[in-house]
Amino acid sequence: MTDVVTRFAPSPTGYLHIGGARTALFNWLYARGRGGKFLLRIEDTDRARSTPEATAAILKGLDWLGLDHDGEAISQAARAERHAEVALQMLAEGKAYKCFSTQEEIEAFREAAREEKRSTLFQSPWRDADPATHPDAPYAIRLKTPMEGETVIEDQVQGTVRIQNDQLDDMILLRSDGTPVYMLAVVVDDHDMGVTHVIRGDDHLNNAARQMGIYTAMGWPLPVYAHIPLIHGPDGKKLSKRHGALGVEEYQAMGYPAAGMRNYLARLGWSHGDDEFFTDSQAKEWFDLDGIGKAPARLDFKKLEHLCGLHIAQAKDAALLQEIEAYLDASDGATLRPEQRAMLLEGMYCLKERAKTFPELLDKAHFILTDTPIEPEEKAAKNLDTVSRGILGSLTPHLQNASWTRDELEAVLNRFAEDQGTKFGKLAGPMRAALAGRAATPSVFDMMLVLGREETISRLAHAAAGATA
């Protein structure tokens, strides 16, 4: 059996679109799950629109998503000579021909066809012309497409697709200036790279019929085709800028974890039974082309957030911290101080539960990241009246010698509350204000454990003294 080789072939004319990211993911999962290769080709033949910045953005997006590719990324533009060589070979073998028709002549043909209400598919008068009649003029090289019969695409997602050959034109392979067209370049590159499975958007389905003509003319084996439906917005309409975030880097900047994004994108148009939440290893094991649906998938941000929350909750703390730092760097360039890193790692157990995004997690971590001395927010400050400050002042000596464990801290605080003739619940508000400057925080005990004895007592003492700046 031939080793599986898939590829992702984006055009570097903009950011890595969410649809492109899903295509890359499907190719990556299919290859990785079968011990095959996942290759990357940058289709930069459109020199006017392709930019190094866009290429860098695509590579950065794939890197964030964790979709590693085998070998170096291939530049399509750098292989123009090879593409031309194949066109000239087809010409020499009579599988292609020289077409001297000018752009004006082609447009005149189409205009007449429109007026006569017949097919505007250009039929070159040079297809079967005697070479002796060829003028000394620029020419394009066109593929000789069969004029009868049909081209059958056995698509792994769309099923059997039949296209009548009289609906296919003799497509140009080499322009009159000698440059190869994109359609030729794709086929030559896929063949030379050993691509066995072409998994791409179904907007390329019609291209497959034309590209198969080149495979047939060259006597090359066809790849397995799988044309996947496009992604629609929540309103069921084709994805566009009105639907909000489209580029992968925007999803990173919004604080979604890469693992959650991979899980969500995998489920966007593909399913494995009723499984919603799964790991990378499960996705690689389960992913197959017959699990891809024919209908367009819809973006659902609630589902994305739900899956991301599950992935944050089960992530290893050190890996999560690393990704949070990458998120901070990507969003506002912020960096964590060593003591903040240490406390975040220490407190991850109480921060990651129920956080769906990194901003939510970092909001819960406000007590770690805030500057000291703490200036309480207005709502929290109401809990620090004169009586409450007095109670906090009385509490600090009880904490000086307590062993810093949850059980001990709970016992100390409950005893202290009893001595004050109140319940611990009445202490919680002032302590939240003192330790975090907020009314809504993780549990008081979690904050004390993460902050440690010295920082906890320092913050309580500061609040007790009545200083707010």
Protein backbone atom coordinates (compact mmCIF):
# COMPACT_ATOMS: atom_id res chain seq x y z
CA MET A 1 0.00 0.00 0.00
CA THR A 2 1.25 3.49 -0.91
CA ASP A 3 2.14 5.74 2.01
CA VAL A 4 -0.41 8.52 2.52
CA VAL A 5 0.79 11.99 1.49
CA THR A 6 -1.49 15.01 1.95
CA ARG A 7 -0.81 18.67 1.44
CA PHE A 8 -2.09 22.10 2.41
CA ALA A 9 -1.60 24.64 -0.36
CA PRO A 10 -2.64 28.17 0.66
CA SER A 11 -2.25 31.29 -1.48
CA PRO A 12 -0.31 33.96 0.44
CA THR A 13 -2.63 36.84 -0.36
CA GLY A 14 -3.90 37.36 3.19
CA TYR A 15 -4.19 35.79 6.64
CA LEU A 16 -4.86 32.11 7.34
CA HIS A 17 -8.65 31.97 6.99
CA ILE A 18 -10.60 29.76 9.40
CA GLY A 19 -11.76 27.65 6.44
CA GLY A 20 -8.16 27.18 5.31
CA ALA A 21 -7.18 26.24 8.85
CA ARG A 22 -9.84 23.51 8.88
CA THR A 23 -8.63 22.21 5.48
CA ALA A 24 -5.08 22.09 6.85
CA LEU A 25 -6.32 20.28 9.97
CA PHE A 26 -8.20 17.63 7.96
CA ASN A 27 -5.10 16.98 5.83
CA TRP A 28 -2.90 16.86 8.94
CA LEU A 29 -5.21 14.47 10.79
CA TYR A 30 -5.58 12.15 7.79
CA ALA A 31 -1.81 11.91 7.25
CA ARG A 32 -0.76 11.77 10.91
CA GLY A 33 -3.37 9.11 11.71
CA ARG A 34 -1.90 6.85 9.03
CA GLY A 35 1.80 7.43 9.61
CA GLY A 36 1.93 9.43 6.39
CA LYS A 37 3.31 12.83 5.42
CA PHE A 38 1.67 16.22 5.64
CA LEU A 39 3.30 18.69 3.22
CA LEU A 40 3.00 22.46 2.87
CA ARG A 41 3.05 24.30 -0.45
CA ILE A 42 2.75 28.07 -0.75
CA GLU A 43 0.87 28.80 -3.98
CA ASP A 44 2.54 32.13 -4.69
CA THR A 45 2.22 32.21 -8.49
CA ASP A 46 0.08 35.37 -8.29
CA ARG A 47 3.08 37.64 -7.87
CA ALA A 48 0.98 40.81 -7.75
CA ARG A 49 -1.06 39.69 -4.74
CA SER A 50 1.29 37.30 -2.91
CA THR A 51 3.26 38.89 -0.07
CA PRO A 52 5.97 37.67 2.32
CA GLU A 53 3.86 39.07 5.17
CA ALA A 54 0.93 36.84 4.21
CA THR A 55 3.23 33.80 3.98
CA ALA A 56 4.57 34.61 7.45
CA ALA A 57 1.00 34.97 8.80
CA ILE A 58 0.03 31.56 7.35
CA LEU A 59 3.10 29.88 8.86
CA LYS A 60 2.45 31.57 12.21
CA GLY A 61 -1.19 30.47 12.18
CA LEU A 62 -0.29 26.85 11.43
CA ASP A 63 2.37 26.97 14.15
CA TRP A 64 -0.15 28.26 16.72
CA LEU A 65 -2.63 25.54 15.75
CA GLY A 66 0.13 22.94 16.20
CA LEU A 67 -0.12 21.64 12.62
CA ASP A 68 3.46 20.64 11.90
CA HIS A 69 4.39 19.81 8.31
CA ASP A 70 7.07 17.49 6.94
CA GLY A 71 10.09 18.94 5.16
CA GLU A 72 10.45 22.49 3.89
CA ALA A 73 7.50 24.52 2.65
CA ILE A 74 7.55 24.50 -1.14
CA SER A 75 7.18 27.68 -3.20
CA GLN A 76 5.06 27.10 -6.28
CA ALA A 77 6.51 30.12 -8.06
CA ALA A 78 10.02 28.71 -7.72
CA ARG A 79 8.98 25.67 -9.78
CA ALA A 80 7.76 27.57 -12.88
CA GLU A 81 10.41 25.97 -15.11
CA ARG A 82 9.24 22.49 -14.18
CA HIS A 83 5.61 23.43 -14.86
CA ALA A 84 6.57 24.76 -18.33
CA GLU A 85 8.59 21.61 -19.02
CA VAL A 86 5.46 19.45 -18.51
CA ALA A 87 3.39 21.67 -20.83
CA LEU A 88 6.05 21.41 -23.53
CA GLN A 89 6.13 17.63 -23.08
CA MET A 90 2.37 17.44 -23.65
CA LEU A 91 2.78 19.66 -26.72
CA ALA A 92 5.51 17.39 -28.11
CA GLU A 93 3.32 14.32 -27.55
CA GLY A 94 0.28 15.85 -29.27
CA LYS A 95 -1.68 16.09 -26.00
CA ALA A 96 -1.63 19.87 -26.22
CA TYR A 97 -1.48 22.41 -29.04
CA LYS A 98 -0.37 25.93 -29.89
CA CYS A 99 -3.20 28.47 -29.89
CA PHE A 100 -2.57 31.78 -31.65
CA SER A 101 -5.98 33.29 -30.86
CA THR A 102 -5.68 36.79 -29.40
CA GLN A 103 -7.64 38.03 -26.39
CA GLU A 104 -9.72 40.20 -28.75
CA GLU A 105 -10.59 37.19 -30.94
CA ILE A 106 -11.59 35.11 -27.90
CA GLU A 107 -13.80 37.92 -26.58
CA ALA A 108 -15.39 38.38 -30.02
CA PHE A 109 -16.16 34.62 -30.10
CA ARG A 110 -17.84 34.81 -26.70
CA GLU A 111 -19.79 37.95 -27.58
CA ALA A 112 -21.17 36.28 -30.70
CA ALA A 113 -22.01 33.15 -28.69
CA ARG A 114 -23.93 35.23 -26.14
CA GLU A 115 -25.90 36.93 -28.88
CA GLU A 116 -26.72 33.57 -30.50
CA LYS A 117 -27.54 32.09 -27.08
CA ARG A 118 -25.06 29.23 -27.44
CA SER A 119 -22.21 28.05 -25.21
CA THR A 120 -19.54 30.67 -24.60
CA LEU A 121 -16.96 27.89 -24.05
CA PHE A 122 -14.13 28.95 -26.36
CA GLN A 123 -13.36 26.54 -29.19
CA SER A 124 -9.95 27.34 -30.60
CA PRO A 125 -9.64 27.18 -34.39
CA TRP A 126 -6.00 26.09 -33.87
CA ARG A 127 -6.77 22.76 -32.17
CA ASP A 128 -6.36 20.68 -35.30
CA ALA A 129 -4.64 23.24 -37.51
CA ASP A 130 -1.79 22.15 -39.77
CA PRO A 131 1.50 23.36 -38.19
CA ALA A 132 2.42 24.68 -41.63
CA THR A 133 -0.32 27.30 -41.18
CA HIS A 134 1.04 28.52 -37.86
CA PRO A 135 1.91 32.23 -37.97
CA ASP A 136 5.08 33.71 -36.55
CA ALA A 137 3.26 35.16 -33.54
CA PRO A 138 2.92 34.66 -29.78
CA TYR A 139 0.89 31.62 -28.76
CA ALA A 140 -0.54 29.94 -25.69
CA ILE A 141 -0.33 26.19 -25.16
CA ARG A 142 -3.74 24.58 -24.59
CA LEU A 143 -4.62 21.10 -23.35
CA LYS A 144 -6.51 18.91 -25.82
CA THR A 145 -9.56 18.01 -23.75
CA PRO A 146 -11.65 15.06 -25.02
CA MET A 147 -14.67 16.45 -26.90
CA GLU A 148 -16.95 13.49 -26.22
CA GLY A 149 -17.79 11.30 -23.25
CA GLU A 150 -17.56 12.36 -19.62
CA THR A 151 -15.07 12.95 -16.84
CA VAL A 152 -15.99 11.06 -13.68
CA ILE A 153 -14.71 12.23 -10.29
CA GLU A 154 -14.99 9.55 -7.61
CA ASP A 155 -15.05 11.93 -4.70
CA GLN A 156 -14.77 10.61 -1.14
CA VAL A 157 -17.17 13.26 0.16
CA GLN A 158 -19.33 14.29 -2.78
CA GLY A 159 -19.71 10.79 -4.23
CA THR A 160 -19.59 10.13 -7.97
CA VAL A 161 -19.57 13.42 -9.90
CA ARG A 162 -20.01 13.29 -13.70
CA ILE A 163 -19.09 16.18 -15.96
CA GLN A 164 -19.71 16.03 -19.72
CA ASN A 165 -16.50 16.67 -21.61
CA ASP A 166 -18.24 19.05 -24.01
CA GLN A 167 -18.67 21.31 -20.95
CA LEU A 168 -14.89 21.54 -20.47
CA ASP A 169 -12.76 23.92 -22.52
CA ASP A 170 -9.25 23.33 -23.81
CA MET A 171 -7.66 25.08 -20.87
CA ILE A 172 -4.50 27.11 -21.26
CA LEU A 173 -1.40 25.48 -19.79
CA LEU A 174 1.22 28.07 -20.76
CA ARG A 175 0.32 31.68 -21.45
CA SER A 176 1.67 33.45 -24.52
CA ASP A 177 4.43 34.99 -22.35
CA GLY A 178 5.59 31.47 -21.42
CA THR A 179 4.33 31.54 -17.83
CA PRO A 180 2.43 28.47 -16.53
CA VAL A 181 -1.13 28.78 -15.25
CA TYR A 182 -2.13 27.90 -11.70
CA MET A 183 -4.17 24.83 -12.78
CA LEU A 184 -1.13 23.24 -14.41
CA ALA A 185 1.16 24.15 -11.50
CA VAL A 186 -1.15 22.48 -8.97
CA VAL A 187 -1.16 19.16 -10.84
CA VAL A 188 2.58 19.08 -11.50
CA ASP A 189 3.37 19.98 -7.90
CA ASP A 190 0.95 17.42 -6.47
CA HIS A 191 2.43 14.71 -8.71
CA ASP A 192 6.06 15.63 -8.01
CA MET A 193 5.40 15.86 -4.26
CA GLY A 194 3.84 12.39 -4.31
CA VAL A 195 0.48 13.63 -3.02
CA THR A 196 -1.91 10.68 -2.74
CA HIS A 197 -4.96 12.47 -1.29
CA VAL A 198 -6.20 15.92 -2.29
CA ILE A 199 -8.47 17.15 0.53
CA ARG A 200 -9.71 20.68 -0.17
CA GLY A 201 -12.80 22.91 -0.28
CA ASP A 202 -15.64 21.95 -2.58
CA ASP A 203 -15.21 25.24 -4.44
CA HIS A 204 -12.39 23.33 -6.21
CA LEU A 205 -14.64 20.47 -7.35
CA ASN A 206 -14.97 21.76 -10.92
CA ASN A 207 -11.20 22.31 -11.04
CA ALA A 208 -10.72 18.61 -10.39
CA ALA A 209 -12.34 17.67 -13.71
CA ARG A 210 -10.00 19.99 -15.62
CA GLN A 211 -6.95 18.94 -13.61
CA MET A 212 -7.72 15.26 -14.24
CA GLY A 213 -7.19 15.97 -17.95
CA ILE A 214 -3.55 16.80 -17.21
CA TYR A 215 -3.06 13.64 -15.13
CA THR A 216 -4.55 11.56 -17.95
CA ALA A 217 -2.48 13.27 -20.66
CA MET A 218 0.72 12.67 -18.67
CA GLY A 219 -0.21 9.09 -17.74
CA TRP A 220 0.09 9.92 -14.04
CA PRO A 221 -1.98 8.15 -11.34
CA LEU A 222 -4.89 10.21 -10.03
CA PRO A 223 -4.92 11.24 -6.35
CA VAL A 224 -7.90 10.40 -4.16
CA TYR A 225 -10.16 13.45 -4.13
CA ALA A 226 -12.17 14.67 -1.14
CA HIS A 227 -13.91 18.01 -1.60
CA ILE A 228 -15.20 19.30 1.72
CA PRO A 229 -18.15 21.73 2.10
CA LEU A 230 -17.36 25.31 2.98
CA ILE A 231 -17.98 26.86 6.40
CA HIS A 232 -20.98 29.15 6.80
CA GLY A 233 -21.66 31.78 9.43
CA PRO A 234 -24.15 31.25 12.29
CA ASP A 235 -26.87 32.67 9.98
CA GLY A 236 -26.27 29.92 7.41
CA LYS A 237 -24.76 32.32 4.87
CA LYS A 238 -21.32 32.03 3.31
CA LEU A 239 -18.66 33.14 5.75
CA SER A 240 -17.67 36.78 5.33
CA LYS A 241 -16.27 39.69 7.31
CA ARG A 242 -19.70 40.46 8.77
CA HIS A 243 -19.43 37.25 10.80
CA GLY A 244 -16.57 38.66 12.86
CA ALA A 245 -13.27 36.87 13.43
CA LEU A 246 -12.09 35.07 10.33
CA GLY A 247 -8.31 34.89 10.60
CA VAL A 248 -6.75 32.25 12.82
CA GLU A 249 -4.63 34.88 14.55
CA GLU A 250 -7.83 36.61 15.69
CA TYR A 251 -8.94 33.46 17.47
CA GLN A 252 -5.57 33.29 19.22
CA ALA A 253 -5.91 36.97 20.19
CA MET A 254 -9.37 36.23 21.65
CA GLY A 255 -7.73 33.70 23.95
CA TYR A 256 -8.95 30.34 22.66
CA PRO A 257 -6.57 27.45 23.41
CA ALA A 258 -5.11 25.73 20.33
CA ALA A 259 -6.29 22.27 21.47
CA GLY A 260 -9.87 23.52 21.81
CA MET A 261 -9.63 25.15 18.39
CA ARG A 262 -8.38 21.89 16.82
CA ASN A 263 -11.19 19.94 18.47
CA TYR A 264 -13.81 22.45 17.32
CA LEU A 265 -12.52 22.69 13.75
CA ALA A 266 -12.39 18.90 13.47
CA ARG A 267 -16.06 18.73 14.44
CA LEU A 268 -16.94 21.46 11.94
CA GLY A 269 -18.16 19.22 9.14
CA TRP A 270 -16.79 15.90 10.40
CA SER A 271 -18.14 13.57 13.06
CA HIS A 272 -17.28 10.36 14.87
CA GLY A 273 -20.52 9.06 16.31
CA ASP A 274 -21.74 11.45 18.98
CA ASP A 275 -18.26 12.36 20.22
CA GLU A 276 -17.87 16.09 20.79
CA PHE A 277 -14.84 16.40 23.05
CA PHE A 278 -11.70 14.47 22.09
CA THR A 279 -7.92 14.65 22.23
CA ASP A 280 -5.49 14.96 19.31
CA SER A 281 -4.57 11.31 19.54
CA GLN A 282 -8.24 10.29 19.40
CA ALA A 283 -8.83 12.63 16.44
CA LYS A 284 -5.87 11.13 14.54
CA GLU A 285 -7.12 7.63 15.24
CA TRP A 286 -10.75 8.34 14.32
CA PHE A 287 -10.50 10.80 11.44
CA ASP A 288 -11.60 9.39 8.10
CA LEU A 289 -13.02 10.88 4.93
CA ASP A 290 -16.33 9.04 5.20
CA GLY A 291 -17.09 10.98 8.41
CA ILE A 292 -17.21 14.28 6.48
CA GLY A 293 -20.72 15.54 5.76
CA LYS A 294 -21.91 17.02 2.48
CA ALA A 295 -23.71 20.00 3.98
CA PRO A 296 -21.88 23.25 4.86
CA ALA A 297 -20.90 23.49 8.53
CA ARG A 298 -21.97 26.48 10.62
CA LEU A 299 -19.74 28.46 12.97
CA ASP A 300 -21.07 28.23 16.52
CA PHE A 301 -19.14 30.32 19.02
CA LYS A 302 -20.99 28.84 22.02
CA LYS A 303 -19.88 25.35 21.04
CA LEU A 304 -16.34 26.62 20.42
CA GLU A 305 -16.24 28.19 23.91
CA HIS A 306 -17.70 25.07 25.53
CA LEU A 307 -15.03 22.81 23.96
CA CYS A 308 -12.26 25.30 24.78
CA GLY A 309 -13.39 25.31 28.42
CA LEU A 310 -13.14 21.52 28.55
CA HIS A 311 -9.65 21.61 27.04
CA ILE A 312 -8.47 24.30 29.47
CA ALA A 313 -9.81 22.26 32.41
CA GLN A 314 -7.96 19.07 31.40
CA ALA A 315 -4.73 20.68 30.18
CA LYS A 316 -1.42 20.13 31.98
CA ASP A 317 -0.70 23.22 34.09
CA ALA A 318 2.80 23.91 32.73
CA ALA A 319 1.63 23.62 29.09
CA LEU A 320 -1.31 25.89 29.87
CA LEU A 321 0.97 28.51 31.40
CA GLN A 322 3.17 28.40 28.29
CA GLU A 323 0.16 28.95 26.03
CA ILE A 324 -1.15 31.78 28.23
CA GLU A 325 2.21 33.52 27.90
CA ALA A 326 2.04 33.12 24.10
CA TYR A 327 -1.49 34.55 24.19
CA LEU A 328 -0.36 37.57 26.24
CA ASP A 329 2.51 38.16 23.83
CA ALA A 330 0.20 37.90 20.79
CA SER A 331 -2.57 40.08 22.22
CA ASP A 332 -0.85 42.98 23.98
CA GLY A 333 2.81 42.06 24.33
CA ALA A 334 2.52 41.70 28.12
CA THR A 335 5.01 39.51 29.98
CA LEU A 336 4.73 37.87 33.38
CA ARG A 337 7.18 38.52 36.20
CA PRO A 338 8.86 35.39 37.64
CA GLU A 339 6.80 35.56 40.85
CA GLN A 340 3.59 35.88 38.83
CA ARG A 341 4.53 32.86 36.72
CA ALA A 342 5.20 30.85 39.88
CA MET A 343 1.88 31.85 41.47
CA LEU A 344 -0.09 31.22 38.27
CA LEU A 345 1.36 27.74 38.09
CA GLU A 346 0.61 27.20 41.77
CA GLY A 347 -2.96 28.46 41.40
CA MET A 348 -3.83 26.90 38.04
CA TYR A 349 -5.95 24.25 39.79
CA CYS A 350 -8.46 26.90 40.93
CA LEU A 351 -8.19 29.17 37.88
CA LYS A 352 -8.78 26.80 34.98
CA GLU A 353 -12.06 25.28 36.12
CA ARG A 354 -14.98 26.81 34.21
CA ALA A 355 -12.74 29.25 32.29
CA LYS A 356 -13.64 29.06 28.58
CA THR A 357 -10.92 31.41 27.34
CA PHE A 358 -7.60 32.76 28.56
CA PRO A 359 -9.05 36.24 29.28
CA GLU A 360 -11.60 34.56 31.59
CA LEU A 361 -8.85 32.60 33.31
CA LEU A 362 -6.66 35.68 33.69
CA ASP A 363 -9.62 37.63 35.06
CA LYS A 364 -9.93 35.01 37.82
CA ALA A 365 -6.17 35.39 38.35
CA HIS A 366 -6.53 39.13 38.99
CA PHE A 367 -5.44 38.63 42.61
CA ILE A 368 -2.08 37.32 41.30
CA LEU A 369 -1.59 39.83 38.49
CA THR A 370 -2.78 43.02 40.20
CA ASP A 371 -0.30 45.60 41.41
CA THR A 372 0.21 46.06 45.13
CA PRO A 373 -0.64 47.90 47.27
CA ILE A 374 -4.16 47.04 46.13
CA GLU A 375 -6.70 49.73 45.43
CA PRO A 376 -10.10 48.03 45.75
CA GLU A 377 -12.77 48.49 43.10
CA GLU A 378 -15.80 50.52 44.19
CA LYS A 379 -18.02 47.50 44.92
CA ALA A 380 -15.27 45.76 46.92
CA ALA A 381 -14.34 48.92 48.82
CA LYS A 382 -17.81 48.94 50.41
CA ASN A 383 -16.77 45.80 52.30
CA LEU A 384 -13.88 47.65 53.92
CA ASP A 385 -15.66 49.90 56.38
CA THR A 386 -14.11 50.84 59.75
CA VAL A 387 -15.50 47.76 61.51
CA SER A 388 -14.30 45.37 58.79
CA ARG A 389 -10.84 46.91 58.78
CA GLY A 390 -10.68 46.46 62.53
CA ILE A 391 -11.63 42.80 62.19
CA LEU A 392 -8.92 42.24 59.52
CA GLY A 393 -6.39 43.91 61.85
CA SER A 394 -7.36 41.49 64.62
CA LEU A 395 -7.14 38.50 62.26
CA THR A 396 -3.54 38.90 61.08
CA PRO A 397 -1.85 37.73 64.32
CA HIS A 398 -3.87 34.47 64.14
CA LEU A 399 -2.36 33.78 60.72
CA GLN A 400 1.27 34.44 61.71
CA ASN A 401 1.81 30.98 63.18
CA ALA A 402 -0.86 28.93 61.39
CA SER A 403 0.43 26.05 59.29
CA TRP A 404 -0.38 27.10 55.70
CA THR A 405 -2.71 24.29 54.67
CA ARG A 406 -6.33 24.53 53.61
CA ASP A 407 -7.64 22.56 56.60
CA GLU A 408 -5.68 24.66 59.08
CA LEU A 409 -6.66 27.96 57.44
CA GLU A 410 -10.33 26.97 57.42
CA ALA A 411 -10.11 26.01 61.10
CA VAL A 412 -8.34 29.27 62.06
CA LEU A 413 -10.79 31.48 60.17
CA ASN A 414 -13.87 29.68 61.47
CA ARG A 415 -12.59 29.90 65.07
CA PHE A 416 -11.79 33.59 64.60
CA ALA A 417 -15.26 34.29 63.18
CA GLU A 418 -16.84 32.50 66.15
CA ASP A 419 -14.76 34.58 68.57
CA GLN A 420 -16.01 37.69 66.77
CA GLY A 421 -19.59 36.50 67.18
CA THR A 422 -20.11 36.09 63.45
CA LYS A 423 -19.82 33.50 60.67
CA PHE A 424 -16.97 33.09 58.19
CA GLY A 425 -19.29 34.27 55.40
CA LYS A 426 -19.22 37.75 56.93
CA LEU A 427 -15.41 37.74 56.79
CA ALA A 428 -15.25 36.66 53.13
CA GLY A 429 -16.27 40.05 51.61
CA PRO A 430 -13.63 42.13 53.41
CA MET A 431 -10.99 39.45 52.77
CA ARG A 432 -11.79 39.36 49.02
CA ALA A 433 -11.48 43.15 48.92
CA ALA A 434 -8.17 43.00 50.82
CA LEU A 435 -6.61 40.13 48.85
CA ALA A 436 -7.87 40.94 45.33
CA GLY A 437 -9.53 44.35 45.42
CA ARG A 438 -12.67 42.75 44.00
CA ALA A 439 -16.02 41.48 45.23
CA ALA A 440 -15.97 38.36 42.96
CA THR A 441 -12.87 36.18 43.25
CA PRO A 442 -11.80 32.57 43.63
CA SER A 443 -12.31 31.22 47.14
CA VAL A 444 -10.56 33.10 49.93
CA PHE A 445 -8.69 29.92 50.91
CA ASP A 446 -7.44 29.34 47.36
CA MET A 447 -6.15 32.90 47.20
CA MET A 448 -4.40 32.58 50.57
CA LEU A 449 -2.75 29.30 49.57
CA VAL A 450 -1.53 30.71 46.22
CA LEU A 451 -0.35 34.05 47.62
CA GLY A 452 1.43 32.45 50.58
CA ARG A 453 1.64 33.57 54.21
CA GLU A 454 3.80 36.66 53.77
CA GLU A 455 1.84 38.23 50.86
CA THR A 456 -1.54 37.33 52.41
CA ILE A 457 -0.70 38.97 55.76
CA SER A 458 0.83 41.99 53.99
CA ARG A 459 -2.38 42.59 51.98
CA LEU A 460 -4.65 42.09 54.99
CA ALA A 461 -2.54 44.45 57.09
CA HIS A 462 -2.53 47.07 54.34
CA ALA A 463 -6.34 46.91 54.08
CA ALA A 464 -6.69 47.04 57.88
CA ALA A 465 -4.61 50.20 58.00
CA GLY A 466 -7.22 51.83 55.75
CA ALA A 467 -4.75 52.67 52.98
CA THR A 468 -6.22 52.45 49.51
CA ALA A 469 -3.39 53.85 47.47
